[in-house]
């Protein structure tokens, strides 16, 4: 169980990193906003980089849980669930606090592929592909792993486009493209 100070650090860091960027938020700001002292910070995290990884790991779990629940709430039909992913994304893109994907943002900000933060973001993207593969297997699609990777590309493209356009319309367009992919024999 995380201590209250550790949880405040994680919550504050996640909010600030997502809203402003990892590099834009310094340790002093994190400590001030969270109300946690420097000594307490270092009892929980060896560095800001370790905090970033912990934030990403927590967000990964919550985001995938949200996606699963959203897809299942939209349809009980396994054949419809791969496309329901894009409907869930449209809802997410419509939120006022939507600022893209925390994992894509991290990979752009921390471009070093060997960094722990970049690797944590990559693990999340691989878990998304695994989830899409599960959906496609349940829907009896042949070549589910290959198709899942293609749908993940559409997901990421829709996310970036939604940020650029400031509307959820990209999810609808990605849904249309995904329907064509799924219909191809």
C-alpha atoms as a PDB file:
ATOM      1  CA  UNK A   1       0.000   0.000   0.000  1.00  0.00           C
ATOM      2  CA  UNK A   2       1.404   3.372  -0.995  1.00  0.00           C
ATOM      3  CA  UNK A   3       1.866   5.911   1.752  1.00  0.00           C
ATOM      4  CA  UNK A   4      -0.143   9.120   1.554  1.00  0.00           C
ATOM      5  CA  UNK A   5       2.953  11.100   0.572  1.00  0.00           C
ATOM      6  CA  UNK A   6       3.830   8.642  -2.183  1.00  0.00           C
ATOM      7  CA  UNK A   7       0.253   8.679  -3.480  1.00  0.00           C
ATOM      8  CA  UNK A   8       0.208  12.506  -3.484  1.00  0.00           C
ATOM      9  CA  UNK A   9       3.452  12.507  -5.457  1.00  0.00           C
ATOM     10  CA  UNK A  10       2.080  10.018  -7.985  1.00  0.00           C
ATOM     11  CA  UNK A  11      -1.232  11.841  -8.390  1.00  0.00           C
ATOM     12  CA  UNK A  12       0.342  15.282  -8.667  1.00  0.00           C
ATOM     13  CA  UNK A  13       3.034  14.070 -11.067  1.00  0.00           C
ATOM     14  CA  UNK A  14       0.520  12.341 -13.314  1.00  0.00           C
ATOM     15  CA  UNK A  15      -1.656  15.443 -13.528  1.00  0.00           C
ATOM     16  CA  UNK A  16       1.240  17.818 -14.142  1.00  0.00           C
ATOM     17  CA  UNK A  17       3.142  15.583 -16.565  1.00  0.00           C
ATOM     18  CA  UNK A  18       0.020  15.013 -18.645  1.00  0.00           C
ATOM     19  CA  UNK A  19      -1.014  18.674 -18.653  1.00  0.00           C
ATOM     20  CA  UNK A  20       2.411  20.275 -19.117  1.00  0.00           C
ATOM     21  CA  UNK A  21       4.973  17.624 -20.042  1.00  0.00           C
ATOM     22  CA  UNK A  22       7.582  15.680 -18.119  1.00  0.00           C
ATOM     23  CA  UNK A  23      10.496  18.003 -18.778  1.00  0.00           C
ATOM     24  CA  UNK A  24       8.462  21.149 -18.108  1.00  0.00           C
ATOM     25  CA  UNK A  25       7.723  20.061 -14.544  1.00  0.00           C
ATOM     26  CA  UNK A  26      10.691  20.199 -12.217  1.00  0.00           C
ATOM     27  CA  UNK A  27      11.145  18.406  -8.934  1.00  0.00           C
ATOM     28  CA  UNK A  28      10.697  21.601  -6.906  1.00  0.00           C
ATOM     29  CA  UNK A  29       7.305  22.172  -8.528  1.00  0.00           C
ATOM     30  CA  UNK A  30       6.260  18.570  -7.874  1.00  0.00           C
ATOM     31  CA  UNK A  31       7.201  18.889  -4.233  1.00  0.00           C
ATOM     32  CA  UNK A  32       5.425  22.224  -3.858  1.00  0.00           C
ATOM     33  CA  UNK A  33       2.216  21.085  -5.568  1.00  0.00           C
ATOM     34  CA  UNK A  34       2.088  17.731  -3.777  1.00  0.00           C
ATOM     35  CA  UNK A  35       3.036  19.145  -0.376  1.00  0.00           C
ATOM     36  CA  UNK A  36       5.673  16.431   0.014  1.00  0.00           C
ATOM     37  CA  UNK A  37       9.134  17.225   1.318  1.00  0.00           C
ATOM     38  CA  UNK A  38      12.347  16.441  -0.532  1.00  0.00           C
ATOM     39  CA  UNK A  39      13.448  13.823   2.011  1.00  0.00           C
ATOM     40  CA  UNK A  40      10.096  12.069   1.728  1.00  0.00           C
ATOM     41  CA  UNK A  41      10.348  12.138  -2.071  1.00  0.00           C
ATOM     42  CA  UNK A  42      13.712  10.375  -1.949  1.00  0.00           C
ATOM     43  CA  UNK A  43      12.375   7.767   0.488  1.00  0.00           C
ATOM     44  CA  UNK A  44       9.933   6.738  -2.235  1.00  0.00           C
ATOM     45  CA  UNK A  45      11.825   7.426  -5.460  1.00  0.00           C
ATOM     46  CA  UNK A  46      15.528   7.447  -6.266  1.00  0.00           C
ATOM     47  CA  UNK A  47      14.994  10.098  -8.941  1.00  0.00           C
ATOM     48  CA  UNK A  48      12.407  11.972 -10.980  1.00  0.00           C
ATOM     49  CA  UNK A  49      12.922   9.323 -13.679  1.00  0.00           C
ATOM     50  CA  UNK A  50      11.789   6.631 -11.236  1.00  0.00           C
ATOM     51  CA  UNK A  51       8.700   8.713 -10.467  1.00  0.00           C
ATOM     52  CA  UNK A  52       7.960   9.038 -14.202  1.00  0.00           C
ATOM     53  CA  UNK A  53       8.105   5.256 -14.622  1.00  0.00           C
ATOM     54  CA  UNK A  54       5.840   4.701 -11.601  1.00  0.00           C
ATOM     55  CA  UNK A  55       3.339   7.223 -12.996  1.00  0.00           C
ATOM     56  CA  UNK A  56       3.345   5.495 -16.385  1.00  0.00           C
ATOM     57  CA  UNK A  57       2.914   2.042 -14.869  1.00  0.00           C
ATOM     58  CA  UNK A  58      -0.085   3.175 -12.837  1.00  0.00           C
ATOM     59  CA  UNK A  59      -1.616   4.974 -15.788  1.00  0.00           C
ATOM     60  CA  UNK A  60      -1.073   1.911 -17.988  1.00  0.00           C
ATOM     61  CA  UNK A  61      -3.111  -0.250 -15.646  1.00  0.00           C
ATOM     62  CA  UNK A  62      -5.927   2.305 -15.258  1.00  0.00           C
ATOM     63  CA  UNK A  63      -6.086   3.165 -18.970  1.00  0.00           C
ATOM     64  CA  UNK A  64      -6.302  -0.435 -20.113  1.00  0.00           C
ATOM     65  CA  UNK A  65      -8.944  -1.137 -17.466  1.00  0.00           C
ATOM     66  CA  UNK A  66     -10.912   1.890 -18.719  1.00  0.00           C
ATOM     67  CA  UNK A  67     -10.635   0.695 -22.324  1.00  0.00           C
ATOM     68  CA  UNK A  68     -11.791  -2.837 -21.454  1.00  0.00           C
ATOM     69  CA  UNK A  69     -14.740  -1.558 -19.457  1.00  0.00           C
ATOM     70  CA  UNK A  70     -15.705   0.956 -22.159  1.00  0.00           C
ATOM     71  CA  UNK A  71     -15.591  -1.624 -24.930  1.00  0.00           C
ATOM     72  CA  UNK A  72     -17.564  -4.171 -22.898  1.00  0.00           C
ATOM     73  CA  UNK A  73     -20.168  -1.548 -21.957  1.00  0.00           C
ATOM     74  CA  UNK A  74     -20.746  -0.698 -25.603  1.00  0.00           C
ATOM     75  CA  UNK A  75     -21.365  -4.203 -26.868  1.00  0.00           C
ATOM     76  CA  UNK A  76     -21.599  -7.783 -25.729  1.00  0.00           C
ATOM     77  CA  UNK A  77     -20.909  -9.040 -29.237  1.00  0.00           C
ATOM     78  CA  UNK A  78     -17.308 -10.175 -29.698  1.00  0.00           C
ATOM     79  CA  UNK A  79     -17.453  -9.368 -33.423  1.00  0.00           C
ATOM     80  CA  UNK A  80     -18.277  -5.718 -32.649  1.00  0.00           C
ATOM     81  CA  UNK A  81     -15.700  -5.151 -29.935  1.00  0.00           C
ATOM     82  CA  UNK A  82     -12.675  -4.335 -32.136  1.00  0.00           C
ATOM     83  CA  UNK A  83     -14.575  -1.388 -33.615  1.00  0.00           C
ATOM     84  CA  UNK A  84     -15.963  -0.398 -30.224  1.00  0.00           C
ATOM     85  CA  UNK A  85     -12.382   0.554 -29.307  1.00  0.00           C
ATOM     86  CA  UNK A  86     -12.699   3.551 -31.624  1.00  0.00           C
ATOM     87  CA  UNK A  87     -16.058   4.518 -30.145  1.00  0.00           C
ATOM     88  CA  UNK A  88     -14.449   4.491 -26.693  1.00  0.00           C
ATOM     89  CA  UNK A  89     -11.625   6.655 -28.011  1.00  0.00           C
ATOM     90  CA  UNK A  90     -14.118   9.175 -29.413  1.00  0.00           C
ATOM     91  CA  UNK A  91     -15.526   9.580 -25.905  1.00  0.00           C
ATOM     92  CA  UNK A  92     -12.036  10.077 -24.499  1.00  0.00           C
ATOM     93  CA  UNK A  93     -11.093  12.575 -27.202  1.00  0.00           C
ATOM     94  CA  UNK A  94     -14.187  14.654 -26.400  1.00  0.00           C
ATOM     95  CA  UNK A  95     -13.058  15.286 -22.821  1.00  0.00           C
ATOM     96  CA  UNK A  96     -11.967  18.847 -22.083  1.00  0.00           C
ATOM     97  CA  UNK A  97      -8.766  17.634 -20.423  1.00  0.00           C
ATOM     98  CA  UNK A  98      -7.728  15.423 -23.372  1.00  0.00           C
ATOM     99  CA  UNK A  99      -4.112  16.137 -24.262  1.00  0.00           C
ATOM    100  CA  UNK A 100      -3.235  13.088 -26.285  1.00  0.00           C
ATOM    101  CA  UNK A 101      -1.698   9.880 -25.085  1.00  0.00           C
ATOM    102  CA  UNK A 102       0.581  10.110 -22.055  1.00  0.00           C
ATOM    103  CA  UNK A 103       2.639   7.267 -23.504  1.00  0.00           C
ATOM    104  CA  UNK A 104       3.090   8.801 -26.953  1.00  0.00           C
ATOM    105  CA  UNK A 105       3.872  12.122 -25.268  1.00  0.00           C
ATOM    106  CA  UNK A 106       6.510  10.390 -23.137  1.00  0.00           C
ATOM    107  CA  UNK A 107       8.134   8.678 -26.117  1.00  0.00           C
ATOM    108  CA  UNK A 108       8.360  12.013 -27.915  1.00  0.00           C
ATOM    109  CA  UNK A 109       9.743  13.840 -24.871  1.00  0.00           C
ATOM    110  CA  UNK A 110      12.089  11.070 -23.815  1.00  0.00           C
ATOM    111  CA  UNK A 111      13.304   9.979 -27.218  1.00  0.00           C
ATOM    112  CA  UNK A 112      16.097   7.763 -25.846  1.00  0.00           C
ATOM    113  CA  UNK A 113      14.733   4.274 -26.520  1.00  0.00           C
ATOM    114  CA  UNK A 114      16.951   2.869 -23.759  1.00  0.00           C
ATOM    115  CA  UNK A 115      15.501   5.133 -21.064  1.00  0.00           C
ATOM    116  CA  UNK A 116      13.250   3.542 -18.454  1.00  0.00           C
ATOM    117  CA  UNK A 117      10.424   5.983 -19.244  1.00  0.00           C
ATOM    118  CA  UNK A 118      10.534   5.224 -22.970  1.00  0.00           C
ATOM    119  CA  UNK A 119      10.530   1.507 -22.229  1.00  0.00           C
ATOM    120  CA  UNK A 120       7.553   1.863 -19.855  1.00  0.00           C
ATOM    121  CA  UNK A 121       5.642   3.719 -22.577  1.00  0.00           C
ATOM    122  CA  UNK A 122       6.578   1.019 -25.097  1.00  0.00           C
ATOM    123  CA  UNK A 123       5.327  -1.710 -22.733  1.00  0.00           C
ATOM    124  CA  UNK A 124       1.975   0.064 -22.575  1.00  0.00           C
ATOM    125  CA  UNK A 125       1.705   0.169 -26.369  1.00  0.00           C
ATOM    126  CA  UNK A 126       2.541  -3.538 -26.522  1.00  0.00           C
ATOM    127  CA  UNK A 127      -0.207  -4.236 -23.970  1.00  0.00           C
ATOM    128  CA  UNK A 128      -2.672  -2.311 -26.130  1.00  0.00           C
ATOM    129  CA  UNK A 129      -1.704  -4.486 -29.096  1.00  0.00           C
ATOM    130  CA  UNK A 130      -2.129  -7.610 -26.928  1.00  0.00           C
ATOM    131  CA  UNK A 131      -5.606  -6.423 -25.918  1.00  0.00           C
ATOM    132  CA  UNK A 132      -6.532  -5.744 -29.553  1.00  0.00           C
ATOM    133  CA  UNK A 133      -5.264  -9.223 -30.421  1.00  0.00           C
ATOM    134  CA  UNK A 134      -7.525 -10.696 -27.719  1.00  0.00           C
ATOM    135  CA  UNK A 135     -10.510  -8.867 -29.183  1.00  0.00           C
ATOM    136  CA  UNK A 136      -9.710 -10.020 -32.713  1.00  0.00           C
ATOM    137  CA  UNK A 137      -9.182 -13.637 -31.647  1.00  0.00           C
ATOM    138  CA  UNK A 138     -12.523 -13.576 -29.803  1.00  0.00           C
ATOM    139  CA  UNK A 139     -14.111 -12.179 -32.977  1.00  0.00           C
ATOM    140  CA  UNK A 140     -12.561 -15.033 -35.036  1.00  0.00           C
ATOM    141  CA  UNK A 141     -10.428 -12.789 -37.243  1.00  0.00           C
ATOM    142  CA  UNK A 142      -7.628 -14.568 -39.060  1.00  0.00           C
ATOM    143  CA  UNK A 143      -4.157 -13.072 -38.636  1.00  0.00           C
ATOM    144  CA  UNK A 144      -5.227 -11.401 -35.383  1.00  0.00           C
ATOM    145  CA  UNK A 145      -1.701 -10.350 -34.295  1.00  0.00           C
ATOM    146  CA  UNK A 146      -0.947  -8.641 -37.616  1.00  0.00           C
ATOM    147  CA  UNK A 147      -4.360  -6.989 -37.713  1.00  0.00           C
ATOM    148  CA  UNK A 148      -3.990  -5.879 -34.083  1.00  0.00           C
ATOM    149  CA  UNK A 149      -0.751  -4.083 -34.955  1.00  0.00           C
ATOM    150  CA  UNK A 150      -2.552  -2.338 -37.826  1.00  0.00           C
ATOM    151  CA  UNK A 151      -5.427  -1.287 -35.560  1.00  0.00           C
ATOM    152  CA  UNK A 152      -2.909  -0.004 -32.997  1.00  0.00           C
ATOM    153  CA  UNK A 153      -1.412   2.166 -35.714  1.00  0.00           C
ATOM    154  CA  UNK A 154      -4.896   3.555 -36.369  1.00  0.00           C
ATOM    155  CA  UNK A 155      -5.410   4.137 -32.637  1.00  0.00           C
ATOM    156  CA  UNK A 156      -2.151   6.066 -32.317  1.00  0.00           C
ATOM    157  CA  UNK A 157      -2.823   8.034 -35.503  1.00  0.00           C
ATOM    158  CA  UNK A 158      -6.299   8.924 -34.295  1.00  0.00           C
ATOM    159  CA  UNK A 159      -4.897  10.109 -30.954  1.00  0.00           C
ATOM    160  CA  UNK A 160      -2.346  12.403 -32.565  1.00  0.00           C
ATOM    161  CA  UNK A 161      -4.889  13.695 -35.078  1.00  0.00           C
ATOM    162  CA  UNK A 162      -7.413  14.385 -32.312  1.00  0.00           C
ATOM    163  CA  UNK A 163      -4.801  16.496 -30.525  1.00  0.00           C
ATOM    164  CA  UNK A 164      -3.991  18.362 -33.742  1.00  0.00           C
ATOM    165  CA  UNK A 165      -7.629  18.978 -34.664  1.00  0.00           C
ATOM    166  CA  UNK A 166      -9.038  19.444 -31.174  1.00  0.00           C
ATOM    167  CA  UNK A 167     -12.072  17.270 -31.906  1.00  0.00           C
ATOM    168  CA  UNK A 168     -13.031  13.601 -31.493  1.00  0.00           C
ATOM    169  CA  UNK A 169     -13.675  13.256 -35.245  1.00  0.00           C
ATOM    170  CA  UNK A 170     -10.427  11.361 -35.844  1.00  0.00           C
ATOM    171  CA  UNK A 171     -11.807   8.404 -33.874  1.00  0.00           C
ATOM    172  CA  UNK A 172     -14.806   8.236 -36.199  1.00  0.00           C
ATOM    173  CA  UNK A 173     -12.573   8.302 -39.284  1.00  0.00           C
ATOM    174  CA  UNK A 174     -10.299   5.646 -37.758  1.00  0.00           C
ATOM    175  CA  UNK A 175     -13.406   3.540 -37.011  1.00  0.00           C
ATOM    176  CA  UNK A 176     -14.343   3.703 -40.711  1.00  0.00           C
ATOM    177  CA  UNK A 177     -10.848   2.663 -41.803  1.00  0.00           C
ATOM    178  CA  UNK A 178     -10.781  -0.153 -39.227  1.00  0.00           C
ATOM    179  CA  UNK A 179     -14.155  -1.424 -40.480  1.00  0.00           C
ATOM    180  CA  UNK A 180     -12.656  -1.661 -43.978  1.00  0.00           C
ATOM    181  CA  UNK A 181      -9.640  -3.548 -42.623  1.00  0.00           C
ATOM    182  CA  UNK A 182     -11.847  -5.952 -40.703  1.00  0.00           C
ATOM    183  CA  UNK A 183     -14.042  -6.551 -43.763  1.00  0.00           C
ATOM    184  CA  UNK A 184     -11.073  -7.418 -45.996  1.00  0.00           C
ATOM    185  CA  UNK A 185     -10.893 -11.180 -46.502  1.00  0.00           C
END
